[in-house]
Amino acid sequence: QVQLVESGGGLVQPGGSLRLSCVVSGLSFRAYSMRWYRQAPGKEREWVGSISPFGATAEYPDSMKGRFTIARDNARNTVYLQMNSLKPEDTARYFCNTVSAPEYWGQGTQVTVSS
């Protein structure tokens, strides 16, 4: 059974930082690229970034370049999302996802940016 468990979300003030984690079990983690997405209430799901199987390549939408960084530790079956200079508009539920067929998703972790 494949499981993805995100953690690390919470309430943070504007300008603050958070690091999200996603632990994956039940599949060969190092075989797959991983993605992060987010979804705010009433909005469509938004791609946050991707990382290749061994972490050599990471890609981000232009709106998040320079603030968000994805990394992975294949020994721990974990992918991370480091978020800096957080803004209220970053408030959303953040999900990790396997680039596989079928795709697998976690339950997400809530990030709230507010003073």
N, C-alpha and C. Protein backbone atom coordinates (compact mmCIF):
# COMPACT_ATOMS: atom_id res chain seq x y z
N GLN A 1 0.85 -1.19 0.00
CA GLN A 1 0.00 0.00 0.00
C GLN A 1 0.88 1.24 0.00
N VAL A 2 0.65 2.09 -0.98
CA VAL A 2 1.44 3.31 -1.10
C VAL A 2 0.85 4.38 -0.18
N GLN A 3 1.72 5.02 0.58
CA GLN A 3 1.28 6.11 1.45
C GLN A 3 2.22 7.30 1.31
N LEU A 4 1.63 8.47 1.29
CA LEU A 4 2.37 9.72 1.31
C LEU A 4 1.83 10.51 2.50
N VAL A 5 2.72 10.93 3.38
CA VAL A 5 2.30 11.65 4.57
C VAL A 5 3.06 12.97 4.65
N GLU A 6 2.30 14.05 4.47
CA GLU A 6 2.89 15.39 4.56
C GLU A 6 2.84 15.89 6.00
N SER A 7 3.81 16.72 6.34
CA SER A 7 3.84 17.35 7.66
C SER A 7 4.61 18.65 7.57
N GLY A 8 4.56 19.42 8.64
CA GLY A 8 5.34 20.64 8.71
C GLY A 8 4.55 21.92 8.51
N GLY A 9 3.29 21.79 8.19
CA GLY A 9 2.48 22.98 8.01
C GLY A 9 2.16 23.65 9.34
N GLY A 10 1.53 24.81 9.25
CA GLY A 10 1.16 25.53 10.46
C GLY A 10 0.88 26.98 10.16
N LEU A 11 0.82 27.75 11.22
CA LEU A 11 0.58 29.19 11.12
C LEU A 11 1.91 29.92 11.17
N VAL A 12 2.14 30.80 10.23
CA VAL A 12 3.39 31.55 10.18
C VAL A 12 3.07 32.99 9.79
N GLN A 13 3.86 33.91 10.29
CA GLN A 13 3.66 35.32 9.96
C GLN A 13 4.20 35.62 8.56
N PRO A 14 3.68 36.62 7.91
CA PRO A 14 4.23 37.04 6.61
C PRO A 14 5.73 37.30 6.74
N GLY A 15 6.46 36.83 5.74
CA GLY A 15 7.92 36.94 5.76
C GLY A 15 8.61 35.77 6.41
N GLY A 16 7.86 34.91 7.05
CA GLY A 16 8.44 33.76 7.72
C GLY A 16 8.74 32.61 6.78
N SER A 17 9.20 31.51 7.38
CA SER A 17 9.58 30.33 6.62
C SER A 17 8.96 29.08 7.23
N LEU A 18 8.79 28.09 6.38
CA LEU A 18 8.37 26.76 6.81
C LEU A 18 9.06 25.74 5.93
N ARG A 19 9.29 24.57 6.49
CA ARG A 19 9.75 23.44 5.69
C ARG A 19 8.75 22.32 5.82
N LEU A 20 8.19 21.94 4.70
CA LEU A 20 7.27 20.82 4.66
C LEU A 20 8.02 19.54 4.31
N SER A 21 7.52 18.44 4.84
CA SER A 21 8.09 17.13 4.54
C SER A 21 7.00 16.21 4.00
N CYS A 22 7.41 15.28 3.18
CA CYS A 22 6.49 14.27 2.66
C CYS A 22 7.24 12.94 2.69
N VAL A 23 6.78 12.05 3.53
CA VAL A 23 7.38 10.72 3.63
C VAL A 23 6.57 9.74 2.80
N VAL A 24 7.26 8.99 1.98
CA VAL A 24 6.61 8.08 1.04
C VAL A 24 6.96 6.64 1.41
N SER A 25 5.98 5.78 1.40
CA SER A 25 6.21 4.36 1.65
C SER A 25 5.40 3.54 0.67
N GLY A 26 5.85 2.30 0.44
CA GLY A 26 5.09 1.39 -0.40
C GLY A 26 5.46 1.38 -1.86
N LEU A 27 6.44 2.20 -2.24
CA LEU A 27 6.94 2.13 -3.61
C LEU A 27 8.42 2.48 -3.61
N SER A 28 9.06 2.27 -4.74
CA SER A 28 10.48 2.53 -4.87
C SER A 28 10.68 4.03 -5.07
N PHE A 29 10.83 4.73 -3.97
CA PHE A 29 10.82 6.20 -3.96
C PHE A 29 11.83 6.78 -4.96
N ARG A 30 13.02 6.22 -4.99
CA ARG A 30 14.07 6.81 -5.81
C ARG A 30 13.83 6.63 -7.30
N ALA A 31 12.82 5.88 -7.66
CA ALA A 31 12.52 5.67 -9.07
C ALA A 31 11.67 6.78 -9.66
N TYR A 32 11.13 7.65 -8.82
CA TYR A 32 10.13 8.60 -9.29
C TYR A 32 10.49 10.05 -9.00
N SER A 33 10.15 10.89 -9.97
CA SER A 33 10.11 12.31 -9.68
C SER A 33 8.96 12.58 -8.71
N MET A 34 9.07 13.68 -8.02
CA MET A 34 8.04 14.06 -7.06
C MET A 34 7.61 15.50 -7.33
N ARG A 35 6.36 15.79 -7.01
CA ARG A 35 5.85 17.13 -7.17
C ARG A 35 5.18 17.60 -5.89
N TRP A 36 5.13 18.89 -5.74
CA TRP A 36 4.32 19.55 -4.71
C TRP A 36 3.26 20.38 -5.42
N TYR A 37 2.09 20.34 -4.84
CA TYR A 37 0.98 21.17 -5.29
C TYR A 37 0.40 21.88 -4.07
N ARG A 38 -0.44 22.86 -4.35
CA ARG A 38 -1.19 23.49 -3.27
C ARG A 38 -2.59 23.84 -3.78
N GLN A 39 -3.49 23.96 -2.83
CA GLN A 39 -4.85 24.34 -3.18
C GLN A 39 -5.43 25.18 -2.06
N ALA A 40 -5.86 26.36 -2.42
CA ALA A 40 -6.52 27.26 -1.48
C ALA A 40 -8.03 27.12 -1.65
N PRO A 41 -8.80 27.43 -0.62
CA PRO A 41 -10.25 27.32 -0.71
C PRO A 41 -10.80 28.13 -1.88
N GLY A 42 -11.62 27.50 -2.69
CA GLY A 42 -12.24 28.18 -3.81
C GLY A 42 -11.35 28.39 -5.00
N LYS A 43 -10.14 27.86 -4.95
CA LYS A 43 -9.20 28.03 -6.06
C LYS A 43 -8.80 26.68 -6.63
N GLU A 44 -8.28 26.72 -7.85
CA GLU A 44 -7.81 25.50 -8.49
C GLU A 44 -6.48 25.07 -7.87
N ARG A 45 -6.23 23.78 -8.00
CA ARG A 45 -4.94 23.26 -7.55
C ARG A 45 -3.82 23.88 -8.37
N GLU A 46 -2.73 24.20 -7.70
CA GLU A 46 -1.62 24.91 -8.34
C GLU A 46 -0.33 24.13 -8.15
N TRP A 47 0.40 23.94 -9.21
CA TRP A 47 1.69 23.25 -9.15
C TRP A 47 2.71 24.17 -8.47
N VAL A 48 3.44 23.61 -7.52
CA VAL A 48 4.42 24.38 -6.75
C VAL A 48 5.84 24.08 -7.22
N GLY A 49 6.08 22.83 -7.63
CA GLY A 49 7.41 22.49 -8.10
C GLY A 49 7.58 20.99 -8.21
N SER A 50 8.68 20.59 -8.85
CA SER A 50 8.97 19.18 -9.07
C SER A 50 10.45 18.92 -8.86
N ILE A 51 10.79 17.69 -8.56
CA ILE A 51 12.18 17.30 -8.42
C ILE A 51 12.38 15.94 -9.05
N SER A 52 13.51 15.77 -9.72
CA SER A 52 13.83 14.53 -10.42
C SER A 52 14.17 13.42 -9.41
N PRO A 53 14.26 12.18 -9.86
CA PRO A 53 14.42 11.05 -8.93
C PRO A 53 15.63 11.14 -8.00
N PHE A 54 16.74 11.67 -8.50
CA PHE A 54 17.92 11.75 -7.63
C PHE A 54 18.23 13.18 -7.22
N GLY A 55 17.26 14.06 -7.48
CA GLY A 55 17.39 15.43 -7.00
C GLY A 55 18.27 16.33 -7.85
N ALA A 56 18.69 15.86 -9.01
CA ALA A 56 19.60 16.66 -9.83
C ALA A 56 18.91 17.87 -10.44
N THR A 57 17.61 17.75 -10.65
CA THR A 57 16.87 18.81 -11.32
C THR A 57 15.61 19.14 -10.53
N ALA A 58 15.37 20.41 -10.34
CA ALA A 58 14.14 20.89 -9.73
C ALA A 58 13.56 21.99 -10.61
N GLU A 59 12.27 22.01 -10.71
CA GLU A 59 11.59 23.00 -11.54
C GLU A 59 10.49 23.66 -10.73
N TYR A 60 10.24 24.92 -11.03
CA TYR A 60 9.24 25.70 -10.31
C TYR A 60 8.51 26.62 -11.28
N PRO A 61 7.30 26.97 -10.92
CA PRO A 61 6.65 28.04 -11.72
C PRO A 61 7.37 29.35 -11.43
N ASP A 62 7.32 30.26 -12.38
CA ASP A 62 8.03 31.53 -12.24
C ASP A 62 7.63 32.26 -10.96
N SER A 63 6.38 32.14 -10.57
CA SER A 63 5.89 32.87 -9.40
C SER A 63 6.52 32.42 -8.10
N MET A 64 7.14 31.25 -8.10
CA MET A 64 7.71 30.70 -6.87
C MET A 64 9.22 30.58 -6.90
N LYS A 65 9.81 30.85 -8.05
CA LYS A 65 11.27 30.76 -8.13
C LYS A 65 11.89 31.76 -7.17
N GLY A 66 12.90 31.30 -6.45
CA GLY A 66 13.61 32.17 -5.52
C GLY A 66 13.06 32.14 -4.12
N ARG A 67 11.83 31.71 -3.93
CA ARG A 67 11.26 31.62 -2.58
C ARG A 67 11.08 30.18 -2.12
N PHE A 68 10.78 29.29 -3.06
CA PHE A 68 10.52 27.89 -2.72
C PHE A 68 11.64 27.01 -3.25
N THR A 69 12.02 26.03 -2.46
CA THR A 69 13.06 25.09 -2.86
C THR A 69 12.63 23.67 -2.50
N ILE A 70 12.72 22.79 -3.48
CA ILE A 70 12.41 21.39 -3.25
C ILE A 70 13.70 20.59 -3.15
N ALA A 71 13.74 19.68 -2.20
CA ALA A 71 14.88 18.78 -2.03
C ALA A 71 14.34 17.40 -1.67
N ARG A 72 15.19 16.41 -1.76
CA ARG A 72 14.78 15.06 -1.39
C ARG A 72 15.92 14.32 -0.74
N ASP A 73 15.55 13.35 0.09
CA ASP A 73 16.51 12.45 0.73
C ASP A 73 16.03 11.05 0.43
N ASN A 74 16.64 10.41 -0.54
CA ASN A 74 16.19 9.08 -0.95
C ASN A 74 16.44 8.03 0.13
N ALA A 75 17.40 8.27 1.00
CA ALA A 75 17.64 7.32 2.09
C ALA A 75 16.50 7.34 3.10
N ARG A 76 15.79 8.44 3.16
CA ARG A 76 14.67 8.59 4.09
C ARG A 76 13.32 8.58 3.38
N ASN A 77 13.33 8.33 2.07
CA ASN A 77 12.08 8.33 1.30
C ASN A 77 11.27 9.60 1.54
N THR A 78 11.96 10.71 1.57
CA THR A 78 11.32 11.97 1.95
C THR A 78 11.64 13.07 0.93
N VAL A 79 10.63 13.85 0.62
CA VAL A 79 10.80 15.04 -0.20
C VAL A 79 10.40 16.24 0.65
N TYR A 80 11.11 17.33 0.45
CA TYR A 80 10.93 18.52 1.27
C TYR A 80 10.52 19.71 0.39
N LEU A 81 9.84 20.63 1.01
CA LEU A 81 9.54 21.91 0.37
C LEU A 81 9.91 23.01 1.36
N GLN A 82 10.98 23.71 1.06
CA GLN A 82 11.40 24.84 1.88
C GLN A 82 10.74 26.09 1.32
N MET A 83 10.01 26.80 2.17
CA MET A 83 9.30 27.99 1.73
C MET A 83 9.77 29.18 2.54
N ASN A 84 10.27 30.18 1.87
CA ASN A 84 10.78 31.38 2.51
C ASN A 84 9.98 32.60 2.07
N SER A 85 10.11 33.68 2.82
CA SER A 85 9.44 34.94 2.48
C SER A 85 7.96 34.71 2.21
N LEU A 86 7.33 34.00 3.10
CA LEU A 86 5.94 33.61 2.88
C LEU A 86 5.01 34.82 2.87
N LYS A 87 3.99 34.71 2.04
CA LYS A 87 3.01 35.77 1.87
C LYS A 87 1.61 35.23 2.21
N PRO A 88 0.71 36.11 2.56
CA PRO A 88 -0.65 35.62 2.84
C PRO A 88 -1.25 34.81 1.69
N GLU A 89 -0.89 35.15 0.48
CA GLU A 89 -1.43 34.41 -0.67
C GLU A 89 -0.84 33.02 -0.82
N ASP A 90 0.15 32.69 0.00
CA ASP A 90 0.67 31.31 0.02
C ASP A 90 -0.18 30.40 0.89
N THR A 91 -1.16 30.97 1.57
CA THR A 91 -2.04 30.17 2.41
C THR A 91 -2.79 29.16 1.56
N ALA A 92 -2.64 27.88 1.91
CA ALA A 92 -3.25 26.80 1.14
C ALA A 92 -2.96 25.48 1.83
N ARG A 93 -3.57 24.45 1.31
CA ARG A 93 -3.20 23.10 1.72
C ARG A 93 -2.19 22.59 0.70
N TYR A 94 -1.08 22.06 1.20
CA TYR A 94 0.02 21.63 0.35
C TYR A 94 0.07 20.11 0.29
N PHE A 95 0.22 19.61 -0.92
CA PHE A 95 0.20 18.17 -1.17
C PHE A 95 1.46 17.74 -1.91
N CYS A 96 1.94 16.55 -1.62
CA CYS A 96 2.97 15.96 -2.45
C CYS A 96 2.34 14.88 -3.32
N ASN A 97 3.05 14.55 -4.39
CA ASN A 97 2.47 13.70 -5.42
C ASN A 97 3.59 12.95 -6.13
N THR A 98 3.36 11.70 -6.44
CA THR A 98 4.36 10.94 -7.20
C THR A 98 4.12 11.09 -8.68
N VAL A 99 5.19 11.24 -9.43
CA VAL A 99 5.07 11.28 -10.89
C VAL A 99 5.14 9.84 -11.36
N SER A 100 4.02 9.18 -11.32
CA SER A 100 3.95 7.76 -11.61
C SER A 100 2.59 7.44 -12.21
N ALA A 101 2.45 6.23 -12.67
CA ALA A 101 1.16 5.78 -13.20
C ALA A 101 0.76 4.50 -12.49
N PRO A 102 -0.23 4.55 -11.61
CA PRO A 102 -1.02 5.72 -11.27
C PRO A 102 -0.26 6.69 -10.38
N GLU A 103 -0.80 7.89 -10.27
CA GLU A 103 -0.22 8.85 -9.35
C GLU A 103 -0.75 8.59 -7.95
N TYR A 104 0.05 8.98 -6.98
CA TYR A 104 -0.37 8.86 -5.58
C TYR A 104 -0.27 10.23 -4.92
N TRP A 105 -1.18 10.44 -3.98
CA TRP A 105 -1.27 11.73 -3.29
C TRP A 105 -1.34 11.52 -1.79
N GLY A 106 -0.81 12.49 -1.08
CA GLY A 106 -0.99 12.52 0.36
C GLY A 106 -2.26 13.28 0.72
N GLN A 107 -2.49 13.38 2.04
CA GLN A 107 -3.67 14.10 2.54
C GLN A 107 -3.43 15.59 2.63
N GLY A 108 -2.18 15.99 2.56
CA GLY A 108 -1.86 17.40 2.58
C GLY A 108 -1.58 17.92 3.98
N THR A 109 -0.97 19.09 4.01
CA THR A 109 -0.70 19.79 5.27
C THR A 109 -1.05 21.26 5.07
N GLN A 110 -1.72 21.83 6.05
CA GLN A 110 -2.24 23.19 5.91
C GLN A 110 -1.17 24.22 6.27
N VAL A 111 -1.01 25.20 5.41
CA VAL A 111 -0.13 26.33 5.67
C VAL A 111 -0.98 27.59 5.69
N THR A 112 -0.87 28.32 6.77
CA THR A 112 -1.60 29.58 6.92
C THR A 112 -0.61 30.69 7.20
N VAL A 113 -0.61 31.70 6.34
CA VAL A 113 0.30 32.83 6.49
C VAL A 113 -0.54 34.04 6.89
N SER A 114 -0.37 34.47 8.11
CA SER A 114 -1.20 35.55 8.64
C SER A 114 -0.52 36.18 9.83
N SER A 115 -0.77 37.48 9.99
CA SER A 115 -0.25 38.17 11.16
C SER A 115 -1.29 38.19 12.27
